[in-house]
PDB file of all heavy atoms in Angstrom:
ATOM      1  N   ALA A   1     104.341 117.175  82.734  1.00  0.00           N
ATOM      2  CA  ALA A   1     104.705 117.987  81.571  1.00  0.00           C
ATOM      3  C   ALA A   1     103.536 118.809  81.061  1.00  0.00           C
ATOM      4  O   ALA A   1     103.729 119.898  80.537  1.00  0.00           O
ATOM      5  CB  ALA A   1     105.250 117.092  80.455  1.00  0.00           C
ATOM      6  N   ARG A   2     102.330 118.288  81.186  1.00  0.00           N
ATOM      7  CA  ARG A   2     101.128 119.035  80.797  1.00  0.00           C
ATOM      8  C   ARG A   2     100.059 118.802  81.844  1.00  0.00           C
ATOM      9  O   ARG A   2      99.888 117.682  82.322  1.00  0.00           O
ATOM     10  CB  ARG A   2     100.605 118.590  79.426  1.00  0.00           C
ATOM     11  CG  ARG A   2     101.609 118.754  78.306  1.00  0.00           C
ATOM     12  CD  ARG A   2     100.928 118.751  76.922  1.00  0.00           C
ATOM     13  NE  ARG A   2     100.109 117.591  76.646  1.00  0.00           N
ATOM     14  CZ  ARG A   2     100.577 116.409  76.213  1.00  0.00           C
ATOM     15  NH1 ARG A   2     101.877 116.244  76.052  1.00  0.00           N
ATOM     16  NH2 ARG A   2      99.769 115.408  75.965  1.00  0.00           N
ATOM     17  N   ALA A   3      99.326 119.828  82.165  1.00  0.00           N
ATOM     18  CA  ALA A   3      98.279 119.732  83.182  1.00  0.00           C
ATOM     19  C   ALA A   3      96.905 119.537  82.571  1.00  0.00           C
ATOM     20  O   ALA A   3      95.892 119.616  83.268  1.00  0.00           O
ATOM     21  CB  ALA A   3      98.279 120.984  84.056  1.00  0.00           C
ATOM     22  N   GLU A   4      96.844 119.301  81.250  1.00  0.00           N
ATOM     23  CA  GLU A   4      95.554 119.022  80.624  1.00  0.00           C
ATOM     24  C   GLU A   4      95.756 118.160  79.392  1.00  0.00           C
ATOM     25  O   GLU A   4      96.868 118.038  78.862  1.00  0.00           O
ATOM     26  CB  GLU A   4      94.828 120.307  80.250  1.00  0.00           C
ATOM     27  CG  GLU A   4      95.486 121.121  79.149  1.00  0.00           C
ATOM     28  CD  GLU A   4      94.633 122.315  78.748  1.00  0.00           C
ATOM     29  OE1 GLU A   4      94.088 122.990  79.650  1.00  0.00           O
ATOM     30  OE2 GLU A   4      94.517 122.572  77.531  1.00  0.00           O
ATOM     31  N   ALA A   5      94.670 117.537  78.975  1.00  0.00           N
ATOM     32  CA  ALA A   5      94.685 116.703  77.770  1.00  0.00           C
ATOM     33  C   ALA A   5      93.267 116.582  77.251  1.00  0.00           C
ATOM     34  O   ALA A   5      92.304 116.681  78.018  1.00  0.00           O
ATOM     35  CB  ALA A   5      95.258 115.323  78.079  1.00  0.00           C
ATOM     36  N   PRO A   6      93.106 116.394  75.940  1.00  0.00           N
ATOM     37  CA  PRO A   6      91.764 116.217  75.395  1.00  0.00           C
ATOM     38  C   PRO A   6      91.192 114.857  75.779  1.00  0.00           C
ATOM     39  O   PRO A   6      91.932 113.892  75.992  1.00  0.00           O
ATOM     40  CB  PRO A   6      91.992 116.306  73.882  1.00  0.00           C
ATOM     41  CG  PRO A   6      93.417 115.907  73.692  1.00  0.00           C
ATOM     42  CD  PRO A   6      94.149 116.388  74.900  1.00  0.00           C
ATOM     43  N   ALA A   7      89.866 114.800  75.879  1.00  0.00           N
ATOM     44  CA  ALA A   7      89.211 113.539  76.188  1.00  0.00           C
ATOM     45  C   ALA A   7      89.561 112.498  75.130  1.00  0.00           C
ATOM     46  O   ALA A   7      89.713 112.809  73.957  1.00  0.00           O
ATOM     47  CB  ALA A   7      87.695 113.739  76.254  1.00  0.00           C
ATOM     48  N   GLY A   8      89.699 111.283  75.555  1.00  0.00           N
ATOM     49  CA  GLY A   8      90.101 110.200  74.669  1.00  0.00           C
ATOM     50  C   GLY A   8      91.202 109.391  75.312  1.00  0.00           C
ATOM     51  O   GLY A   8      91.346 109.381  76.537  1.00  0.00           O
ATOM     52  N   GLN A   9      91.981 108.720  74.517  1.00  0.00           N
ATOM     53  CA  GLN A   9      93.063 107.915  75.061  1.00  0.00           C
ATOM     54  C   GLN A   9      94.318 108.760  75.287  1.00  0.00           C
ATOM     55  O   GLN A   9      94.709 109.529  74.419  1.00  0.00           O
ATOM     56  CB  GLN A   9      93.383 106.760  74.120  1.00  0.00           C
ATOM     57  CG  GLN A   9      94.281 105.713  74.763  1.00  0.00           C
ATOM     58  CD  GLN A   9      94.527 104.536  73.847  1.00  0.00           C
ATOM     59  OE1 GLN A   9      95.654 104.356  73.371  1.00  0.00           O
ATOM     60  NE2 GLN A   9      93.507 103.749  73.586  1.00  0.00           N
ATOM     61  N   ILE A  10      94.911 108.609  76.470  1.00  0.00           N
ATOM     62  CA  ILE A  10      96.081 109.389  76.855  1.00  0.00           C
ATOM     63  C   ILE A  10      97.165 108.431  77.339  1.00  0.00           C
ATOM     64  O   ILE A  10      96.877 107.423  77.986  1.00  0.00           O
ATOM     65  CB  ILE A  10      95.758 110.401  77.973  1.00  0.00           C
ATOM     66  CG1 ILE A  10      94.576 111.278  77.578  1.00  0.00           C
ATOM     67  CG2 ILE A  10      96.970 111.262  78.291  1.00  0.00           C
ATOM     68  CD1 ILE A  10      94.110 112.205  78.689  1.00  0.00           C
ATOM     69  N   GLU A  11      98.411 108.775  77.038  1.00  0.00           N
ATOM     70  CA  GLU A  11      99.542 107.990  77.503  1.00  0.00           C
ATOM     71  C   GLU A  11     100.342 108.806  78.514  1.00  0.00           C
ATOM     72  O   GLU A  11     100.682 109.953  78.264  1.00  0.00           O
ATOM     73  CB  GLU A  11     100.436 107.592  76.331  1.00  0.00           C
ATOM     74  CG  GLU A  11     101.648 106.768  76.727  1.00  0.00           C
ATOM     75  CD  GLU A  11     102.496 106.369  75.532  1.00  0.00           C
ATOM     76  OE1 GLU A  11     101.980 106.432  74.396  1.00  0.00           O
ATOM     77  OE2 GLU A  11     103.678 106.021  75.730  1.00  0.00           O
ATOM     78  N   PHE A  12     100.630 108.200  79.660  1.00  0.00           N
ATOM     79  CA  PHE A  12     101.418 108.838  80.700  1.00  0.00           C
ATOM     80  C   PHE A  12     102.659 108.000  80.995  1.00  0.00           C
ATOM     81  O   PHE A  12     102.591 106.770  81.036  1.00  0.00           O
ATOM     82  CB  PHE A  12     100.621 108.982  81.994  1.00  0.00           C
ATOM     83  CG  PHE A  12      99.439 109.898  81.879  1.00  0.00           C
ATOM     84  CD1 PHE A  12      98.199 109.387  81.548  1.00  0.00           C
ATOM     85  CD2 PHE A  12      99.577 111.247  82.095  1.00  0.00           C
ATOM     86  CE1 PHE A  12      97.099 110.225  81.434  1.00  0.00           C
ATOM     87  CE2 PHE A  12      98.492 112.098  81.983  1.00  0.00           C
ATOM     88  CZ  PHE A  12      97.241 111.589  81.656  1.00  0.00           C
ATOM     89  N   THR A  13     103.761 108.677  81.205  1.00  0.00           N
ATOM     90  CA  THR A  13     105.003 108.011  81.587  1.00  0.00           C
ATOM     91  C   THR A  13     105.461 108.597  82.910  1.00  0.00           C
ATOM     92  O   THR A  13     105.821 109.776  82.987  1.00  0.00           O
ATOM     93  CB  THR A  13     106.082 108.215  80.513  1.00  0.00           C
ATOM     94  OG1 THR A  13     105.601 107.714  79.265  1.00  0.00           O
ATOM     95  CG2 THR A  13     107.354 107.471  80.888  1.00  0.00           C
ATOM     96  N   VAL A  14     105.412 107.782  83.960  1.00  0.00           N
ATOM     97  CA  VAL A  14     105.715 108.243  85.323  1.00  0.00           C
ATOM     98  C   VAL A  14     107.076 107.700  85.750  1.00  0.00           C
ATOM     99  O   VAL A  14     107.289 106.488  85.757  1.00  0.00           O
ATOM    100  CB  VAL A  14     104.633 107.775  86.315  1.00  0.00           C
ATOM    101  CG1 VAL A  14     104.910 108.334  87.710  1.00  0.00           C
ATOM    102  CG2 VAL A  14     103.249 108.195  85.832  1.00  0.00           C
ATOM    103  N   SER A  15     107.987 108.605  86.090  1.00  0.00           N
ATOM    104  CA  SER A  15     109.334 108.224  86.525  1.00  0.00           C
ATOM    105  C   SER A  15     109.547 108.623  87.969  1.00  0.00           C
ATOM    106  O   SER A  15     109.256 109.760  88.360  1.00  0.00           O
ATOM    107  CB  SER A  15     110.387 108.919  85.651  1.00  0.00           C
ATOM    108  OG  SER A  15     110.262 108.520  84.298  1.00  0.00           O
ATOM    109  N   ASN A  16     110.050 107.697  88.768  1.00  0.00           N
ATOM    110  CA  ASN A  16     110.375 107.996  90.162  1.00  0.00           C
ATOM    111  C   ASN A  16     111.825 108.441  90.236  1.00  0.00           C
ATOM    112  O   ASN A  16     112.750 107.640  90.102  1.00  0.00           O
ATOM    113  CB  ASN A  16     110.144 106.757  91.035  1.00  0.00           C
ATOM    114  CG  ASN A  16     110.368 107.040  92.514  1.00  0.00           C
ATOM    115  OD1 ASN A  16     110.848 108.103  92.889  1.00  0.00           O
ATOM    116  ND2 ASN A  16     110.021 106.080  93.352  1.00  0.00           N
ATOM    117  N   THR A  17     112.017 109.726  90.466  1.00  0.00           N
ATOM    118  CA  THR A  17     113.366 110.290  90.545  1.00  0.00           C
ATOM    119  C   THR A  17     113.836 110.460  91.987  1.00  0.00           C
ATOM    120  O   THR A  17     114.891 111.038  92.232  1.00  0.00           O
ATOM    121  CB  THR A  17     113.409 111.662  89.851  1.00  0.00           C
ATOM    122  OG1 THR A  17     112.490 112.550  90.507  1.00  0.00           O
ATOM    123  CG2 THR A  17     113.023 111.536  88.382  1.00  0.00           C
ATOM    124  N   GLY A  18     113.036 109.965  92.942  1.00  0.00           N
ATOM    125  CA  GLY A  18     113.382 110.128  94.342  1.00  0.00           C
ATOM    126  C   GLY A  18     114.026 108.896  94.943  1.00  0.00           C
ATOM    127  O   GLY A  18     114.498 108.001  94.231  1.00  0.00           O
ATOM    128  N   THR A  19     114.002 108.849  96.266  1.00  0.00           N
ATOM    129  CA  THR A  19     114.626 107.734  96.997  1.00  0.00           C
ATOM    130  C   THR A  19     113.595 106.831  97.658  1.00  0.00           C
ATOM    131  O   THR A  19     113.959 105.806  98.231  1.00  0.00           O
ATOM    132  CB  THR A  19     115.572 108.279  98.081  1.00  0.00           C
ATOM    133  OG1 THR A  19     114.811 109.052  99.037  1.00  0.00           O
ATOM    134  CG2 THR A  19     116.660 109.148  97.484  1.00  0.00           C
ATOM    135  N   LYS A  20     112.320 107.208  97.599  1.00  0.00           N
ATOM    136  CA  LYS A  20     111.257 106.427  98.223  1.00  0.00           C
ATOM    137  C   LYS A  20     110.376 105.791  97.148  1.00  0.00           C
ATOM    138  O   LYS A  20     110.199 106.353  96.061  1.00  0.00           O
ATOM    139  CB  LYS A  20     110.380 107.321  99.106  1.00  0.00           C
ATOM    140  CG  LYS A  20     111.122 108.037 100.224  1.00  0.00           C
ATOM    141  CD  LYS A  20     110.181 108.963 100.978  1.00  0.00           C
ATOM    142  CE  LYS A  20     110.906 109.729 102.076  1.00  0.00           C
ATOM    143  NZ  LYS A  20     109.987 110.668 102.783  1.00  0.00           N
ATOM    144  N   VAL A  21     109.791 104.648  97.478  1.00  0.00           N
ATOM    145  CA  VAL A  21     108.789 104.061  96.584  1.00  0.00           C
ATOM    146  C   VAL A  21     107.616 105.030  96.486  1.00  0.00           C
ATOM    147  O   VAL A  21     107.190 105.627  97.484  1.00  0.00           O
ATOM    148  CB  VAL A  21     108.312 102.698  97.119  1.00  0.00           C
ATOM    149  CG1 VAL A  21     107.200 102.128  96.248  1.00  0.00           C
ATOM    150  CG2 VAL A  21     109.477 101.725  97.187  1.00  0.00           C
ATOM    151  N   ASN A  22     107.104 105.218  95.288  1.00  0.00           N
ATOM    152  CA  ASN A  22     106.067 106.224  95.064  1.00  0.00           C
ATOM    153  C   ASN A  22     104.791 105.589  94.540  1.00  0.00           C
ATOM    154  O   ASN A  22     104.794 104.463  94.028  1.00  0.00           O
ATOM    155  CB  ASN A  22     106.564 107.283  94.090  1.00  0.00           C
ATOM    156  CG  ASN A  22     106.112 108.681  94.463  1.00  0.00           C
ATOM    157  OD1 ASN A  22     104.948 108.886  94.774  1.00  0.00           O
ATOM    158  ND2 ASN A  22     107.031 109.637  94.422  1.00  0.00           N
ATOM    159  N   GLU A  23     103.707 106.335  94.644  1.00  0.00           N
ATOM    160  CA  GLU A  23     102.405 105.967  94.072  1.00  0.00           C
ATOM    161  C   GLU A  23     101.855 107.171  93.332  1.00  0.00           C
ATOM    162  O   GLU A  23     102.250 108.309  93.585  1.00  0.00           O
ATOM    163  CB  GLU A  23     101.411 105.590  95.170  1.00  0.00           C
ATOM    164  CG  GLU A  23     101.744 104.349  95.931  1.00  0.00           C
ATOM    165  CD  GLU A  23     100.695 104.046  96.990  1.00  0.00           C
ATOM    166  OE1 GLU A  23     100.138 104.998  97.572  1.00  0.00           O
ATOM    167  OE2 GLU A  23     100.454 102.859  97.218  1.00  0.00           O
ATOM    168  N   PHE A  24     100.899 106.886  92.446  1.00  0.00           N
ATOM    169  CA  PHE A  24     100.292 107.956  91.678  1.00  0.00           C
ATOM    170  C   PHE A  24      98.791 107.710  91.590  1.00  0.00           C
ATOM    171  O   PHE A  24      98.363 106.590  91.296  1.00  0.00           O
ATOM    172  CB  PHE A  24     100.898 108.012  90.283  1.00  0.00           C
ATOM    173  CG  PHE A  24     100.299 109.078  89.432  1.00  0.00           C
ATOM    174  CD1 PHE A  24     100.640 110.388  89.625  1.00  0.00           C
ATOM    175  CD2 PHE A  24      99.375 108.762  88.458  1.00  0.00           C
ATOM    176  CE1 PHE A  24     100.065 111.389  88.859  1.00  0.00           C
ATOM    177  CE2 PHE A  24      98.791 109.745  87.690  1.00  0.00           C
ATOM    178  CZ  PHE A  24      99.142 111.068  87.881  1.00  0.00           C
ATOM    179  N   TYR A  25      97.997 108.742  91.882  1.00  0.00           N
ATOM    180  CA  TYR A  25      96.535 108.631  91.911  1.00  0.00           C
ATOM    181  C   TYR A  25      95.893 109.704  91.043  1.00  0.00           C
ATOM    182  O   TYR A  25      96.418 110.803  90.888  1.00  0.00           O
ATOM    183  CB  TYR A  25      96.005 108.835  93.328  1.00  0.00           C
ATOM    184  CG  TYR A  25      96.269 107.697  94.285  1.00  0.00           C
ATOM    185  CD1 TYR A  25      97.526 107.512  94.841  1.00  0.00           C
ATOM    186  CD2 TYR A  25      95.250 106.829  94.649  1.00  0.00           C
ATOM    187  CE1 TYR A  25      97.768 106.482  95.724  1.00  0.00           C
ATOM    188  CE2 TYR A  25      95.477 105.789  95.544  1.00  0.00           C
ATOM    189  CZ  TYR A  25      96.734 105.623  96.077  1.00  0.00           C
ATOM    190  OH  TYR A  25      96.967 104.599  96.955  1.00  0.00           O
ATOM    191  N   VAL A  26      94.704 109.383  90.550  1.00  0.00           N
ATOM    192  CA  VAL A  26      93.812 110.364  89.940  1.00  0.00           C
ATOM    193  C   VAL A  26      92.495 110.308  90.694  1.00  0.00           C
ATOM    194  O   VAL A  26      91.912 109.233  90.864  1.00  0.00           O
ATOM    195  CB  VAL A  26      93.560 110.058  88.451  1.00  0.00           C
ATOM    196  CG1 VAL A  26      92.536 111.041  87.891  1.00  0.00           C
ATOM    197  CG2 VAL A  26      94.851 110.154  87.657  1.00  0.00           C
ATOM    198  N   TYR A  27      92.050 111.466  91.176  1.00  0.00           N
ATOM    199  CA  TYR A  27      90.813 111.542  91.957  1.00  0.00           C
ATOM    200  C   TYR A  27      89.757 112.352  91.219  1.00  0.00           C
ATOM    201  O   TYR A  27      90.052 113.367  90.590  1.00  0.00           O
ATOM    202  CB  TYR A  27      91.061 112.242  93.294  1.00  0.00           C
ATOM    203  CG  TYR A  27      91.977 111.509  94.237  1.00  0.00           C
ATOM    204  CD1 TYR A  27      93.306 111.905  94.387  1.00  0.00           C
ATOM    205  CD2 TYR A  27      91.513 110.448  94.997  1.00  0.00           C
ATOM    206  CE1 TYR A  27      94.149 111.251  95.274  1.00  0.00           C
ATOM    207  CE2 TYR A  27      92.351 109.785  95.885  1.00  0.00           C
ATOM    208  CZ  TYR A  27      93.664 110.190  96.015  1.00  0.00           C
ATOM    209  OH  TYR A  27      94.508 109.553  96.889  1.00  0.00           O
ATOM    210  N   ALA A  28      88.511 111.920  91.354  1.00  0.00           N
ATOM    211  CA  ALA A  28      87.372 112.733  90.967  1.00  0.00           C
ATOM    212  C   ALA A  28      86.879 113.469  92.210  1.00  0.00           C
ATOM    213  O   ALA A  28      87.448 113.331  93.302  1.00  0.00           O
ATOM    214  CB  ALA A  28      86.276 111.853  90.382  1.00  0.00           C
ATOM    215  N   GLU A  29      85.817 114.236  92.065  1.00  0.00           N
ATOM    216  CA  GLU A  29      85.277 114.992  93.186  1.00  0.00           C
ATOM    217  C   GLU A  29      84.977 114.058  94.349  1.00  0.00           C
ATOM    218  O   GLU A  29      84.492 112.939  94.170  1.00  0.00           O
ATOM    219  CB  GLU A  29      84.000 115.718  92.743  1.00  0.00           C
ATOM    220  CG  GLU A  29      83.403 116.635  93.794  1.00  0.00           C
ATOM    221  CD  GLU A  29      82.179 117.376  93.291  1.00  0.00           C
ATOM    222  OE1 GLU A  29      81.825 117.184  92.120  1.00  0.00           O
ATOM    223  OE2 GLU A  29      81.586 118.131  94.084  1.00  0.00           O
ATOM    224  N   GLY A  30      85.279 114.513  95.557  1.00  0.00           N
ATOM    225  CA  GLY A  30      85.028 113.706  96.738  1.00  0.00           C
ATOM    226  C   GLY A  30      86.077 112.645  96.986  1.00  0.00           C
ATOM    227  O   GLY A  30      85.840 111.703  97.749  1.00  0.00           O
ATOM    228  N   ASP A  31      87.235 112.801  96.359  1.00  0.00           N
ATOM    229  CA  ASP A  31      88.335 111.836  96.517  1.00  0.00           C
ATOM    230  C   ASP A  31      87.963 110.445  96.031  1.00  0.00           C
ATOM    231  O   ASP A  31      88.496 109.442  96.490  1.00  0.00           O
ATOM    232  CB  ASP A  31      88.814 111.768  97.971  1.00  0.00           C
ATOM    233  CG  ASP A  31      89.921 112.781  98.242  1.00  0.00           C
ATOM    234  OD1 ASP A  31      90.199 113.600  97.349  1.00  0.00           O
ATOM    235  OD2 ASP A  31      90.482 112.758  99.348  1.00  0.00           O
ATOM    236  N   ARG A  32      87.045 110.372  95.072  1.00  0.00           N
ATOM    237  CA  ARG A  32      86.754 109.077  94.464  1.00  0.00           C
ATOM    238  C   ARG A  32      87.912 108.715  93.548  1.00  0.00           C
ATOM    239  O   ARG A  32      88.286 109.475  92.666  1.00  0.00           O
ATOM    240  CB  ARG A  32      85.444 109.136  93.672  1.00  0.00           C
ATOM    241  CG  ARG A  32      85.078 107.823  93.009  1.00  0.00           C
ATOM    242  CD  ARG A  32      83.604 107.785  92.671  1.00  0.00           C
ATOM    243  NE  ARG A  32      83.193 108.897  91.847  1.00  0.00           N
ATOM    244  CZ  ARG A  32      83.169 108.872  90.513  1.00  0.00           C
ATOM    245  NH1 ARG A  32      83.569 107.803  89.872  1.00  0.00           N
ATOM    246  NH2 ARG A  32      82.762 109.920  89.836  1.00  0.00           N
ATOM    247  N   ILE A  33      88.512 107.560  93.783  1.00  0.00           N
ATOM    248  CA  ILE A  33      89.697 107.158  93.022  1.00  0.00           C
ATOM    249  C   ILE A  33      89.295 106.705  91.632  1.00  0.00           C
ATOM    250  O   ILE A  33      88.558 105.746  91.462  1.00  0.00           O
ATOM    251  CB  ILE A  33      90.459 106.029  93.734  1.00  0.00           C
ATOM    252  CG1 ILE A  33      90.955 106.498  95.099  1.00  0.00           C
ATOM    253  CG2 ILE A  33      91.648 105.563  92.890  1.00  0.00           C
ATOM    254  CD1 ILE A  33      91.575 105.398  95.936  1.00  0.00           C
ATOM    255  N   MET A  34      89.809 107.404  90.632  1.00  0.00           N
ATOM    256  CA  MET A  34      89.539 107.041  89.249  1.00  0.00           C
ATOM    257  C   MET A  34      90.641 106.157  88.682  1.00  0.00           C
ATOM    258  O   MET A  34      90.420 105.367  87.782  1.00  0.00           O
ATOM    259  CB  MET A  34      89.426 108.314  88.389  1.00  0.00           C
ATOM    260  CG  MET A  34      88.398 109.302  88.895  1.00  0.00           C
ATOM    261  SD  MET A  34      86.761 108.585  89.108  1.00  0.00           S
ATOM    262  CE  MET A  34      86.356 108.207  87.413  1.00  0.00           C
ATOM    263  N   GLY A  35      91.848 106.305  89.193  1.00  0.00           N
ATOM    264  CA  GLY A  35      92.956 105.497  88.719  1.00  0.00           C
ATOM    265  C   GLY A  35      94.124 105.620  89.675  1.00  0.00           C
ATOM    266  O   GLY A  35      94.249 106.621  90.387  1.00  0.00           O
ATOM    267  N   GLU A  36      94.974 104.594  89.735  1.00  0.00           N
ATOM    268  CA  GLU A  36      96.104 104.617  90.650  1.00  0.00           C
ATOM    269  C   GLU A  36      97.155 103.634  90.177  1.00  0.00           C
ATOM    270  O   GLU A  36      96.850 102.649  89.511  1.00  0.00           O
ATOM    271  CB  GLU A  36      95.667 104.262  92.069  1.00  0.00           C
ATOM    272  CG  GLU A  36      94.860 102.984  92.154  1.00  0.00           C
ATOM    273  CD  GLU A  36      94.445 102.659  93.573  1.00  0.00           C
ATOM    274  OE1 GLU A  36      95.200 102.993  94.503  1.00  0.00           O
ATOM    275  OE2 GLU A  36      93.389 102.037  93.749  1.00  0.00           O
ATOM    276  N   VAL A  37      98.387 103.916  90.530  1.00  0.00           N
ATOM    277  CA  VAL A  37      99.478 102.983  90.280  1.00  0.00           C
ATOM    278  C   VAL A  37     100.428 103.045  91.459  1.00  0.00           C
ATOM    279  O   VAL A  37     100.733 104.108  91.972  1.00  0.00           O
ATOM    280  CB  VAL A  37     100.223 103.292  88.965  1.00  0.00           C
ATOM    281  CG1 VAL A  37     100.824 104.682  88.980  1.00  0.00           C
ATOM    282  CG2 VAL A  37     101.286 102.255  88.682  1.00  0.00           C
ATOM    283  N   GLU A  38     100.828 101.893  91.934  1.00  0.00           N
ATOM    284  CA  GLU A  38     101.704 101.857  93.102  1.00  0.00           C
ATOM    285  C   GLU A  38     102.995 101.134  92.774  1.00  0.00           C
ATOM    286  O   GLU A  38     103.221 100.684  91.654  1.00  0.00           O
ATOM    287  CB  GLU A  38     101.009 101.149  94.267  1.00  0.00           C
ATOM    288  CG  GLU A  38     100.832  99.677  94.064  1.00  0.00           C
ATOM    289  CD  GLU A  38     100.336  98.988  95.332  1.00  0.00           C
ATOM    290  OE1 GLU A  38      99.912  99.685  96.265  1.00  0.00           O
ATOM    291  OE2 GLU A  38     100.379  97.758  95.378  1.00  0.00           O
ATOM    292  N   ASN A  39     103.829 101.044  93.800  1.00  0.00           N
ATOM    293  CA  ASN A  39     105.071 100.260  93.711  1.00  0.00           C
ATOM    294  C   ASN A  39     105.996 100.771  92.607  1.00  0.00           C
ATOM    295  O   ASN A  39     106.623  99.995  91.895  1.00  0.00           O
ATOM    296  CB  ASN A  39     104.745  98.778  93.489  1.00  0.00           C
ATOM    297  CG  ASN A  39     105.907  97.873  93.848  1.00  0.00           C
ATOM    298  OD1 ASN A  39     106.747  98.229  94.675  1.00  0.00           O
ATOM    299  ND2 ASN A  39     105.972  96.712  93.229  1.00  0.00           N
ATOM    300  N   ILE A  40     106.071 102.094  92.472  1.00  0.00           N
ATOM    301  CA  ILE A  40     107.029 102.680  91.535  1.00  0.00           C
ATOM    302  C   ILE A  40     108.328 102.897  92.312  1.00  0.00           C
ATOM    303  O   ILE A  40     108.479 103.868  93.051  1.00  0.00           O
ATOM    304  CB  ILE A  40     106.517 104.010  90.940  1.00  0.00           C
ATOM    305  CG1 ILE A  40     105.105 103.844  90.380  1.00  0.00           C
ATOM    306  CG2 ILE A  40     107.460 104.496  89.846  1.00  0.00           C
ATOM    307  CD1 ILE A  40     104.489 105.128  89.886  1.00  0.00           C
ATOM    308  N   ALA A  41     109.243 101.978  92.165  1.00  0.00           N
ATOM    309  CA  ALA A  41     110.486 102.020  92.933  1.00  0.00           C
ATOM    310  C   ALA A  41     111.393 103.140  92.441  1.00  0.00           C
ATOM    311  O   ALA A  41     111.263 103.601  91.300  1.00  0.00           O
ATOM    312  CB  ALA A  41     111.203 100.678  92.824  1.00  0.00           C
ATOM    313  N   PRO A  42     112.325 103.606  93.276  1.00  0.00           N
ATOM    314  CA  PRO A  42     113.278 104.629  92.828  1.00  0.00           C
ATOM    315  C   PRO A  42     113.980 104.192  91.545  1.00  0.00           C
ATOM    316  O   PRO A  42     114.447 103.053  91.434  1.00  0.00           O
ATOM    317  CB  PRO A  42     114.252 104.723  94.003  1.00  0.00           C
ATOM    318  CG  PRO A  42     113.427 104.351  95.199  1.00  0.00           C
ATOM    319  CD  PRO A  42     112.505 103.275  94.708  1.00  0.00           C
ATOM    320  N   GLY A  43     114.024 105.105  90.586  1.00  0.00           N
ATOM    321  CA  GLY A  43     114.659 104.818  89.311  1.00  0.00           C
ATOM    322  C   GLY A  43     113.771 104.124  88.301  1.00  0.00           C
ATOM    323  O   GLY A  43     114.147 103.973  87.134  1.00  0.00           O
ATOM    324  N   LEU A  44     112.555 103.715  88.720  1.00  0.00           N
ATOM    325  CA  LEU A  44     111.659 102.980  87.824  1.00  0.00           C
ATOM    326  C   LEU A  44     110.767 103.942  87.054  1.00  0.00           C
ATOM    327  O   LEU A  44     110.335 104.970  87.575  1.00  0.00           O
ATOM    328  CB  LEU A  44     110.793 102.016  88.630  1.00  0.00           C
ATOM    329  CG  LEU A  44     109.868 101.085  87.841  1.00  0.00           C
ATOM    330  CD1 LEU A  44     110.676 100.095  87.023  1.00  0.00           C
ATOM    331  CD2 LEU A  44     108.930 100.345  88.795  1.00  0.00           C
ATOM    332  N   THR A  45     110.483 103.600  85.802  1.00  0.00           N
ATOM    333  CA  THR A  45     109.550 104.360  84.967  1.00  0.00           C
ATOM    334  C   THR A  45     108.414 103.442  84.537  1.00  0.00           C
ATOM    335  O   THR A  45     108.648 102.316  84.111  1.00  0.00           O
ATOM    336  CB  THR A  45     110.249 104.925  83.724  1.00  0.00           C
ATOM    337  OG1 THR A  45     111.239 105.871  84.128  1.00  0.00           O
ATOM    338  CG2 THR A  45     109.255 105.632  82.804  1.00  0.00           C
ATOM    339  N   ARG A  46     107.182 103.935  84.675  1.00  0.00           N
ATOM    340  CA  ARG A  46     106.019 103.158  84.273  1.00  0.00           C
ATOM    341  C   ARG A  46     105.247 103.942  83.219  1.00  0.00           C
ATOM    342  O   ARG A  46     104.999 105.138  83.375  1.00  0.00           O
ATOM    343  CB  ARG A  46     105.114 102.889  85.480  1.00  0.00           C
ATOM    344  CG  ARG A  46     105.771 102.091  86.588  1.00  0.00           C
ATOM    345  CD  ARG A  46     105.691 100.601  86.356  1.00  0.00           C
ATOM    346  NE  ARG A  46     104.319 100.151  86.460  1.00  0.00           N
ATOM    347  CZ  ARG A  46     103.720  99.791  87.603  1.00  0.00           C
ATOM    348  NH1 ARG A  46     104.399  99.835  88.734  1.00  0.00           N
ATOM    349  NH2 ARG A  46     102.476  99.375  87.615  1.00  0.00           N
TER     350      ARG A  46
END
């Protein structure tokens, strides 16, 4: 819904609207993983 946010605490709501189990990642430069969430089943919201 938004591609930016101010520094501080942020809330994200991720919904899987597809048919496959999904994952979500945040990367810093060099593909360093800053955050990730897996096992978001179809129809599930985290």
